Protein backbone atom coordinates (compact mmCIF):
# COMPACT_ATOMS: atom_id res chain seq x y z
CA MET A 1 -18.27 -5.21 32.05
CA SER A 2 -16.12 -7.40 29.91
CA THR A 3 -12.64 -6.23 28.59
CA TYR A 4 -14.56 -6.04 25.04
CA GLN A 5 -17.41 -4.26 26.49
CA MET A 6 -15.06 -1.71 28.12
CA TYR A 7 -12.75 -1.32 25.18
CA LYS A 8 -16.03 -0.60 22.72
CA TYR A 9 -17.47 1.67 25.44
CA THR A 10 -13.90 3.31 25.83
CA ASN A 11 -13.49 3.76 21.96
CA TYR A 12 -16.83 5.16 21.55
CA LEU A 13 -16.09 7.88 24.12
CA TYR A 14 -12.90 8.91 21.88
CA GLY A 15 -14.68 8.54 18.69
CA GLY A 16 -13.39 5.15 17.58
CA ASP A 17 -15.40 2.30 16.76
CA VAL A 18 -12.83 -0.58 15.65
CA VAL A 19 -12.42 -3.63 17.55
CA ILE A 20 -9.44 -5.63 16.16
CA THR A 21 -10.10 -9.31 15.43
CA LYS A 22 -7.42 -11.93 15.31
CA GLU A 23 -7.86 -12.00 11.36
CA MET A 24 -7.37 -8.18 11.27
CA ALA A 25 -4.41 -8.43 13.61
CA LYS A 26 -2.72 -10.95 11.18
CA ALA A 27 -3.62 -9.05 8.11
CA ALA A 28 -2.38 -5.70 9.30
CA ARG A 29 0.81 -7.12 10.46
CA ALA A 30 1.32 -8.56 7.00
CA LEU A 31 0.66 -5.19 5.18
CA ALA A 32 3.18 -3.63 7.41
CA GLY A 33 5.81 -6.27 6.73
CA VAL A 34 6.63 -6.99 10.07
CA THR A 35 7.03 -9.83 12.67
CA VAL A 36 5.26 -10.32 16.10
CA GLU A 37 8.55 -9.33 17.64
CA GLN A 38 9.25 -6.00 15.57
CA LEU A 39 5.63 -4.94 15.99
CA THR A 40 5.34 -5.37 19.84
CA GLU A 41 9.23 -4.29 20.50
CA ASN A 42 8.30 -0.68 21.26
CA THR A 43 4.62 -1.28 22.87
CA PRO A 44 3.46 -2.39 26.10
CA VAL A 45 2.35 -5.61 24.53
CA ASN A 46 4.07 -9.00 25.26
CA PRO A 47 4.94 -11.13 21.85
CA ASN A 48 3.35 -14.17 23.48
CA THR A 49 -0.12 -12.01 24.04
CA LEU A 50 -0.22 -11.39 20.44
CA ARG A 51 0.82 -14.84 19.27
CA SER A 52 -1.99 -16.02 21.41
CA PHE A 53 -4.56 -13.66 20.15
CA GLU A 54 -3.47 -14.23 16.65
CA SER A 55 -3.80 -18.02 16.88
CA GLY A 56 -7.30 -17.74 18.61
CA ARG A 57 -6.22 -19.12 21.97
CA THR A 58 -7.09 -15.67 23.34
CA LYS A 59 -10.50 -14.26 22.31
CA THR A 60 -9.57 -10.50 23.05
CA LEU A 61 -7.04 -8.03 23.68
CA SER A 62 -7.11 -5.58 26.56
CA ALA A 63 -7.72 -2.06 25.71
CA THR A 64 -4.41 -1.14 26.51
CA ASN A 65 -3.04 -3.70 24.19
CA GLN A 66 -5.50 -2.96 21.37
CA ASP A 67 -4.42 0.72 21.70
CA ALA A 68 -1.06 0.27 21.53
CA LEU A 69 -1.15 -2.21 18.48
CA THR A 70 -3.60 0.00 16.56
CA LYS A 71 -1.04 2.91 17.25
CA ALA A 72 1.96 0.90 16.28
CA LEU A 73 0.39 -0.16 13.13
CA GLY A 74 -0.95 2.85 12.32
CA ALA A 75 2.64 4.64 12.46
CA LEU A 76 3.62 1.81 9.72
CA GLY A 77 0.80 2.80 7.37
CA VAL A 78 -1.98 0.68 8.22
CA ASP A 79 -5.60 2.07 8.82
CA PHE A 80 -8.26 -0.13 10.56
CA ILE A 81 -11.83 0.27 8.82
CA PRO A 82 -14.73 0.35 11.13
CA GLU A 83 -17.83 -1.90 10.55
CA ASN A 84 -19.94 0.17 8.02
CA GLY A 85 -22.09 -2.48 6.54
CA GLY A 86 -19.36 -3.73 4.28
CA GLY A 87 -17.42 -5.32 7.29
CA ALA A 88 -14.59 -4.20 9.31
CA GLY A 89 -10.90 -4.41 7.94
CA VAL A 90 -7.44 -2.93 7.45
CA ARG A 91 -5.97 -1.46 4.36
CA LEU A 92 -2.48 0.16 3.96
CA ARG A 93 -2.71 3.95 3.45
CA ASN A 94 -1.97 5.36 0.34
CA ARG A 95 1.54 6.67 0.11
CA ALA A 96 4.62 7.18 -2.10
CA SER A 97 6.90 4.27 -1.88
CA GLY A 98 9.92 6.16 -2.80
CA ASP A 99 10.63 4.53 -6.29
CA GLY A 100 7.71 6.33 -7.88
CA ASP A 101 5.28 3.49 -7.20
CA GLU A 102 2.35 4.19 -4.88
CA VAL A 103 0.41 1.48 -2.71
CA THR A 104 -3.01 2.02 -3.10
CA LYS A 105 -5.98 1.85 -1.14
């Protein structure tokens, strides 16, 4: 079983169904406004691993790395949207910004 298949199976068992693509990873980081170093600082993910993935040199992330990045980005307000016929993607969670403006979905 490949890493990708194992991740899909593990996510299926736990109710998730999003596999992060390189485009989703870059978009999620941009939405969160963080660098590779900032995002990976408190995770087990090596910054070079994320850079390699985002550039396309590495095709997949391990289930552990994907889970760590999903959690870290989720803590920054980024939601991953599963494939639902309209395509998988990312969005910034609707939240108050502190100055009266709201970030919308």
